[in-house]
Every structure is written in C-alpha cells, then in structure tokens.
PDB file of N, CA and C in Angstrom:
ATOM      1  N   MET A   1      81.915 165.480 153.968  1.00  0.00           N
ATOM      2  CA  MET A   1      82.014 163.705 152.911  1.00  0.00           C
ATOM      3  C   MET A   1      82.105 162.916 154.408  1.00  0.00           C
ATOM      4  N   ASP A   2      81.384 161.888 154.180  1.00  0.00           N
ATOM      5  CA  ASP A   2      81.428 160.616 155.154  1.00  0.00           C
ATOM      6  C   ASP A   2      82.270 159.616 154.562  1.00  0.00           C
ATOM      7  N   SER A   3      82.647 159.416 155.646  1.00  0.00           N
ATOM      8  CA  SER A   3      84.001 158.467 155.430  1.00  0.00           C
ATOM      9  C   SER A   3      83.744 156.715 155.157  1.00  0.00           C
ATOM     10  N   PRO A   4      84.097 156.040 154.408  1.00  0.00           N
ATOM     11  CA  PRO A   4      83.847 155.089 153.714  1.00  0.00           C
ATOM     12  C   PRO A   4      84.155 153.745 154.952  1.00  0.00           C
ATOM     13  N   LEU A   5      83.246 152.840 154.539  1.00  0.00           N
ATOM     14  CA  LEU A   5      83.588 152.068 155.677  1.00  0.00           C
ATOM     15  C   LEU A   5      84.877 151.050 155.153  1.00  0.00           C
ATOM     16  N   VAL A   6      85.749 150.941 156.308  1.00  0.00           N
ATOM     17  CA  VAL A   6      86.913 149.819 156.255  1.00  0.00           C
ATOM     18  C   VAL A   6      86.877 148.508 156.485  1.00  0.00           C
ATOM     19  N   SER A   7      87.082 147.717 155.887  1.00  0.00           N
ATOM     20  CA  SER A   7      86.530 146.272 156.060  1.00  0.00           C
ATOM     21  C   SER A   7      88.113 145.874 156.216  1.00  0.00           C
ATOM     22  N   VAL A   8      88.435 145.199 157.274  1.00  0.00           N
ATOM     23  CA  VAL A   8      89.611 144.154 157.319  1.00  0.00           C
ATOM     24  C   VAL A   8      89.577 142.579 157.466  1.00  0.00           C
ATOM     25  N   PHE A   9      90.222 142.120 156.876  1.00  0.00           N
ATOM     26  CA  PHE A   9      90.018 140.567 156.979  1.00  0.00           C
ATOM     27  C   PHE A   9      90.993 139.861 157.535  1.00  0.00           C
ATOM     28  N   LEU A  10      91.076 139.148 158.233  1.00  0.00           N
ATOM     29  CA  LEU A  10      92.261 138.341 158.896  1.00  0.00           C
ATOM     30  C   LEU A  10      91.620 137.128 159.167  1.00  0.00           C
ATOM     31  N   PRO A  11      92.971 136.335 158.270  1.00  0.00           N
ATOM     32  CA  PRO A  11      92.670 134.993 158.226  1.00  0.00           C
ATOM     33  C   PRO A  11      93.424 134.225 159.633  1.00  0.00           C
ATOM     34  N   ALA A  12      92.917 132.861 159.847  1.00  0.00           N
ATOM     35  CA  ALA A  12      93.664 132.438 161.113  1.00  0.00           C
ATOM     36  C   ALA A  12      93.229 131.083 160.771  1.00  0.00           C
ATOM     37  N   TYR A  13      94.424 130.677 161.307  1.00  0.00           N
ATOM     38  CA  TYR A  13      94.248 128.839 161.154  1.00  0.00           C
ATOM     39  C   TYR A  13      95.866 128.357 162.329  1.00  0.00           C
ATOM     40  N   ASN A  14      95.073 127.595 163.373  1.00  0.00           N
ATOM     41  CA  ASN A  14      95.620 127.247 164.979  1.00  0.00           C
ATOM     42  C   ASN A  14      96.784 128.943 165.022  1.00  0.00           C
ATOM     43  N   GLN A  15      96.303 129.859 165.371  1.00  0.00           N
ATOM     44  CA  GLN A  15      96.842 130.955 166.015  1.00  0.00           C
ATOM     45  C   GLN A  15      96.233 131.321 167.558  1.00  0.00           C
ATOM     46  N   GLU A  16      96.040 130.372 168.068  1.00  0.00           N
ATOM     47  CA  GLU A  16      96.015 130.550 169.655  1.00  0.00           C
ATOM     48  C   GLU A  16      96.624 131.689 170.406  1.00  0.00           C
ATOM     49  N   GLU A  17      98.175 131.365 170.206  1.00  0.00           N
ATOM     50  CA  GLU A  17      99.009 132.456 170.732  1.00  0.00           C
ATOM     51  C   GLU A  17      99.000 133.872 170.576  1.00  0.00           C
ATOM     52  N   PHE A  18      98.588 134.174 169.131  1.00  0.00           N
ATOM     53  CA  PHE A  18      98.602 135.115 168.732  1.00  0.00           C
ATOM     54  C   PHE A  18      97.299 135.947 168.178  1.00  0.00           C
ATOM     55  N   ILE A  19      96.065 135.082 168.066  1.00  0.00           N
ATOM     56  CA  ILE A  19      94.891 135.907 167.699  1.00  0.00           C
ATOM     57  C   ILE A  19      94.682 137.013 168.535  1.00  0.00           C
ATOM     58  N   SER A  20      94.789 137.169 169.871  1.00  0.00           N
ATOM     59  CA  SER A  20      94.286 138.064 170.514  1.00  0.00           C
ATOM     60  C   SER A  20      94.950 139.391 170.256  1.00  0.00           C
ATOM     61  N   GLU A  21      96.414 139.109 170.413  1.00  0.00           N
ATOM     62  CA  GLU A  21      97.188 140.485 169.915  1.00  0.00           C
ATOM     63  C   GLU A  21      96.838 141.110 168.277  1.00  0.00           C
ATOM     64  N   ALA A  22      96.535 139.928 167.583  1.00  0.00           N
ATOM     65  CA  ALA A  22      96.097 140.869 166.091  1.00  0.00           C
ATOM     66  C   ALA A  22      94.675 141.148 166.089  1.00  0.00           C
ATOM     67  N   ILE A  23      93.932 140.580 166.970  1.00  0.00           N
ATOM     68  CA  ILE A  23      92.369 141.409 167.061  1.00  0.00           C
ATOM     69  C   ILE A  23      92.706 142.502 167.625  1.00  0.00           C
ATOM     70  N   GLN A  24      93.311 142.612 168.578  1.00  0.00           N
ATOM     71  CA  GLN A  24      93.688 144.185 169.665  1.00  0.00           C
ATOM     72  C   GLN A  24      94.238 144.906 168.641  1.00  0.00           C
ATOM     73  N   SER A  25      95.051 144.518 167.955  1.00  0.00           N
ATOM     74  CA  SER A  25      95.978 145.638 167.294  1.00  0.00           C
ATOM     75  C   SER A  25      94.871 145.978 165.847  1.00  0.00           C
ATOM     76  N   CYS A  26      94.024 145.520 165.429  1.00  0.00           N
ATOM     77  CA  CYS A  26      92.768 145.799 164.526  1.00  0.00           C
ATOM     78  C   CYS A  26      92.112 146.694 165.220  1.00  0.00           C
ATOM     79  N   LEU A  27      91.466 146.567 166.717  1.00  0.00           N
ATOM     80  CA  LEU A  27      90.833 147.423 167.445  1.00  0.00           C
ATOM     81  C   LEU A  27      91.240 148.636 167.748  1.00  0.00           C
ATOM     82  N   GLN A  28      92.383 148.583 167.930  1.00  0.00           N
ATOM     83  CA  GLN A  28      93.168 150.057 168.289  1.00  0.00           C
ATOM     84  C   GLN A  28      93.576 151.035 167.370  1.00  0.00           C
ATOM     85  N   GLN A  29      92.953 150.722 165.641  1.00  0.00           N
ATOM     86  CA  GLN A  29      93.144 151.578 164.835  1.00  0.00           C
ATOM     87  C   GLN A  29      92.130 152.687 165.077  1.00  0.00           C
ATOM     88  N   ASP A  30      92.443 153.922 164.737  1.00  0.00           N
ATOM     89  CA  ASP A  30      91.575 155.225 164.617  1.00  0.00           C
ATOM     90  C   ASP A  30      90.819 155.485 163.471  1.00  0.00           C
ATOM     91  N   ILE A  31      90.591 154.145 162.972  1.00  0.00           N
ATOM     92  CA  ILE A  31      89.430 154.693 161.959  1.00  0.00           C
ATOM     93  C   ILE A  31      88.191 154.679 162.749  1.00  0.00           C
ATOM     94  N   GLU A  32      87.154 155.532 162.290  1.00  0.00           N
ATOM     95  CA  GLU A  32      86.404 155.262 163.232  1.00  0.00           C
ATOM     96  C   GLU A  32      85.055 154.483 162.256  1.00  0.00           C
ATOM     97  N   ASP A  33      84.955 154.158 161.196  1.00  0.00           N
ATOM     98  CA  ASP A  33      83.802 153.522 160.720  1.00  0.00           C
ATOM     99  C   ASP A  33      84.733 152.076 159.957  1.00  0.00           C
ATOM    100  N   MET A  34      84.934 151.151 160.606  1.00  0.00           N
ATOM    101  CA  MET A  34      85.922 149.643 160.348  1.00  0.00           C
ATOM    102  C   MET A  34      85.156 148.650 161.117  1.00  0.00           C
ATOM    103  N   GLU A  35      85.259 147.681 160.393  1.00  0.00           N
ATOM    104  CA  GLU A  35      84.827 146.324 160.707  1.00  0.00           C
ATOM    105  C   GLU A  35      85.881 145.463 160.484  1.00  0.00           C
ATOM    106  N   LEU A  36      85.929 144.316 161.434  1.00  0.00           N
ATOM    107  CA  LEU A  36      87.112 143.486 161.393  1.00  0.00           C
ATOM    108  C   LEU A  36      86.235 142.035 161.017  1.00  0.00           C
ATOM    109  N   VAL A  37      86.656 141.311 159.929  1.00  0.00           N
ATOM    110  CA  VAL A  37      86.226 139.942 159.439  1.00  0.00           C
ATOM    111  C   VAL A  37      87.148 139.087 159.541  1.00  0.00           C
ATOM    112  N   ILE A  38      86.778 138.182 160.333  1.00  0.00           N
ATOM    113  CA  ILE A  38      88.012 136.882 160.521  1.00  0.00           C
ATOM    114  C   ILE A  38      87.797 135.619 159.773  1.00  0.00           C
ATOM    115  N   GLY A  39      88.114 135.124 159.435  1.00  0.00           N
ATOM    116  CA  GLY A  39      87.836 133.582 158.784  1.00  0.00           C
ATOM    117  C   GLY A  39      89.022 132.558 159.387  1.00  0.00           C
ATOM    118  N   ASP A  40      88.192 131.679 159.893  1.00  0.00           N
ATOM    119  CA  ASP A  40      89.301 130.572 160.565  1.00  0.00           C
ATOM    120  C   ASP A  40      89.455 129.481 159.686  1.00  0.00           C
ATOM    121  N   ASP A  41      90.061 128.664 159.184  1.00  0.00           N
ATOM    122  CA  ASP A  41      90.097 127.907 158.587  1.00  0.00           C
ATOM    123  C   ASP A  41      90.238 126.568 159.377  1.00  0.00           C
ATOM    124  N   CYS A  42      89.104 126.185 160.093  1.00  0.00           N
ATOM    125  CA  CYS A  42      89.296 125.251 161.042  1.00  0.00           C
ATOM    126  C   CYS A  42      90.088 124.695 162.001  1.00  0.00           C
ATOM    127  N   SER A  43      90.631 125.768 162.965  1.00  0.00           N
ATOM    128  CA  SER A  43      91.418 125.756 163.620  1.00  0.00           C
ATOM    129  C   SER A  43      91.248 124.367 164.420  1.00  0.00           C
ATOM    130  N   THR A  44      92.675 124.034 165.000  1.00  0.00           N
ATOM    131  CA  THR A  44      92.174 122.638 165.955  1.00  0.00           C
ATOM    132  C   THR A  44      92.543 122.909 167.500  1.00  0.00           C
ATOM    133  N   ASP A  45      93.126 124.196 167.344  1.00  0.00           N
ATOM    134  CA  ASP A  45      93.468 124.897 168.978  1.00  0.00           C
ATOM    135  C   ASP A  45      92.150 125.706 169.543  1.00  0.00           C
ATOM    136  N   ARG A  46      92.450 126.234 170.425  1.00  0.00           N
ATOM    137  CA  ARG A  46      91.820 127.372 170.890  1.00  0.00           C
ATOM    138  C   ARG A  46      91.539 128.742 170.038  1.00  0.00           C
ATOM    139  N   THR A  47      91.883 128.543 168.958  1.00  0.00           N
ATOM    140  CA  THR A  47      91.693 129.960 168.151  1.00  0.00           C
ATOM    141  C   THR A  47      90.161 130.384 167.916  1.00  0.00           C
ATOM    142  N   TRP A  48      89.614 129.328 167.255  1.00  0.00           N
ATOM    143  CA  TRP A  48      88.022 129.599 167.384  1.00  0.00           C
ATOM    144  C   TRP A  48      87.216 130.355 168.543  1.00  0.00           C
ATOM    145  N   THR A  49      87.476 129.720 169.490  1.00  0.00           N
ATOM    146  CA  THR A  49      86.786 129.855 170.934  1.00  0.00           C
ATOM    147  C   THR A  49      87.438 131.261 171.183  1.00  0.00           C
ATOM    148  N   ILE A  50      88.479 131.854 171.192  1.00  0.00           N
ATOM    149  CA  ILE A  50      89.021 133.016 171.221  1.00  0.00           C
ATOM    150  C   ILE A  50      88.578 134.194 170.318  1.00  0.00           C
ATOM    151  N   ILE A  51      88.417 133.810 168.929  1.00  0.00           N
ATOM    152  CA  ILE A  51      87.612 134.580 168.334  1.00  0.00           C
ATOM    153  C   ILE A  51      86.044 135.053 168.755  1.00  0.00           C
ATOM    154  N   GLN A  52      85.531 133.918 169.057  1.00  0.00           N
ATOM    155  CA  GLN A  52      83.765 133.964 169.406  1.00  0.00           C
ATOM    156  C   GLN A  52      83.811 134.528 170.335  1.00  0.00           C
ATOM    157  N   SER A  53      84.962 134.793 171.579  1.00  0.00           N
ATOM    158  CA  SER A  53      84.626 135.741 172.696  1.00  0.00           C
ATOM    159  C   SER A  53      85.052 137.027 172.417  1.00  0.00           C
ATOM    160  N   TYR A  54      85.678 137.516 171.182  1.00  0.00           N
ATOM    161  CA  TYR A  54      85.957 139.070 170.651  1.00  0.00           C
ATOM    162  C   TYR A  54      84.280 139.254 170.075  1.00  0.00           C
ATOM    163  N   VAL A  55      83.952 138.364 169.320  1.00  0.00           N
ATOM    164  CA  VAL A  55      82.506 138.571 168.492  1.00  0.00           C
ATOM    165  C   VAL A  55      81.712 139.176 169.447  1.00  0.00           C
ATOM    166  N   GLU A  56      81.572 138.592 170.663  1.00  0.00           N
ATOM    167  CA  GLU A  56      80.454 138.250 171.830  1.00  0.00           C
ATOM    168  C   GLU A  56      80.976 140.039 172.368  1.00  0.00           C
ATOM    169  N   GLN A  57      82.061 140.412 172.527  1.00  0.00           N
ATOM    170  CA  GLN A  57      82.556 141.689 173.217  1.00  0.00           C
ATOM    171  C   GLN A  57      82.123 142.623 172.148  1.00  0.00           C
ATOM    172  N   HIS A  58      82.331 142.289 171.092  1.00  0.00           N
ATOM    173  CA  HIS A  58      82.187 143.560 169.921  1.00  0.00           C
ATOM    174  C   HIS A  58      81.190 143.480 169.339  1.00  0.00           C
ATOM    175  N   PRO A  59      80.027 143.287 169.399  1.00  0.00           N
ATOM    176  CA  PRO A  59      78.922 142.832 168.277  1.00  0.00           C
ATOM    177  C   PRO A  59      78.685 144.322 167.340  1.00  0.00           C
ATOM    178  N   GLY A  60      78.875 143.533 166.158  1.00  0.00           N
ATOM    179  CA  GLY A  60      78.560 144.704 164.917  1.00  0.00           C
ATOM    180  C   GLY A  60      79.667 145.270 164.413  1.00  0.00           C
ATOM    181  N   LYS A  61      80.793 145.133 165.075  1.00  0.00           N
ATOM    182  CA  LYS A  61      82.282 145.513 165.017  1.00  0.00           C
ATOM    183  C   LYS A  61      82.899 144.330 164.346  1.00  0.00           C
ATOM    184  N   ILE A  62      83.105 142.979 164.855  1.00  0.00           N
ATOM    185  CA  ILE A  62      83.674 141.813 164.445  1.00  0.00           C
ATOM    186  C   ILE A  62      82.710 140.943 163.978  1.00  0.00           C
ATOM    187  N   MET A  63      83.287 140.301 162.894  1.00  0.00           N
ATOM    188  CA  MET A  63      82.234 139.302 162.382  1.00  0.00           C
ATOM    189  C   MET A  63      83.148 138.285 162.008  1.00  0.00           C
ATOM    190  N   ALA A  64      83.130 136.866 162.273  1.00  0.00           N
ATOM    191  CA  ALA A  64      83.729 135.833 162.165  1.00  0.00           C
ATOM    192  C   ALA A  64      83.341 134.796 161.542  1.00  0.00           C
ATOM    193  N   PHE A  65      83.899 134.081 160.511  1.00  0.00           N
ATOM    194  CA  PHE A  65      83.407 132.594 160.035  1.00  0.00           C
ATOM    195  C   PHE A  65      84.261 131.796 159.864  1.00  0.00           C
ATOM    196  N   ARG A  66      83.791 130.513 159.975  1.00  0.00           N
ATOM    197  CA  ARG A  66      84.568 129.242 160.007  1.00  0.00           C
ATOM    198  C   ARG A  66      84.756 128.236 159.096  1.00  0.00           C
ATOM    199  N   GLU A  67      85.379 128.078 158.310  1.00  0.00           N
ATOM    200  CA  GLU A  67      84.966 127.064 157.082  1.00  0.00           C
ATOM    201  C   GLU A  67      84.888 125.579 157.662  1.00  0.00           C
ATOM    202  N   ALA A  68      84.101 125.196 156.953  1.00  0.00           N
ATOM    203  CA  ALA A  68      83.615 123.526 157.259  1.00  0.00           C
ATOM    204  C   ALA A  68      84.603 122.587 156.901  1.00  0.00           C
ATOM    205  N   ALA A  69      84.507 121.777 157.687  1.00  0.00           N
ATOM    206  CA  ALA A  69      85.877 121.089 157.621  1.00  0.00           C
ATOM    207  C   ALA A  69      85.317 119.844 156.558  1.00  0.00           C
TER     208      ALA A  69
END
C-alpha cells in the first residue's frame, strides 16, 4: 500500500525570527511523502525572503504563496 501525500500548511505573517525554525521542524519529520505549503500574508519584514530561500533549496518539497496586498 502506497503512503498518501501529507500536506502541511504553514501560515506566516511577520515571523522573521521564527519562520526558519518552523520550516526546519516540518522538514525534519520522518514522513516520506510530505509537502510543505507556506502562505505568507504580505509580511513587511524578511519573512518572505527567508521562505523563498527554503523554496529554492527544496524544490518540489516546499511551495510558497504570498497574498497580494
């Protein structure tokens, strides 16, 4: 039996200090078929930049969306 895809949604808004830790926590899970979907609500700090760097490091594993202002 194949394992189902597990999708984890991580909402974010101005979480520059904590977003890396939250993303790392998700990536460290031992679920093989998992995707991380991050929704940023137009953060005004460096949150979006940090998220984008993780997306680049983990293509296909992390998807990120930013709400239009």
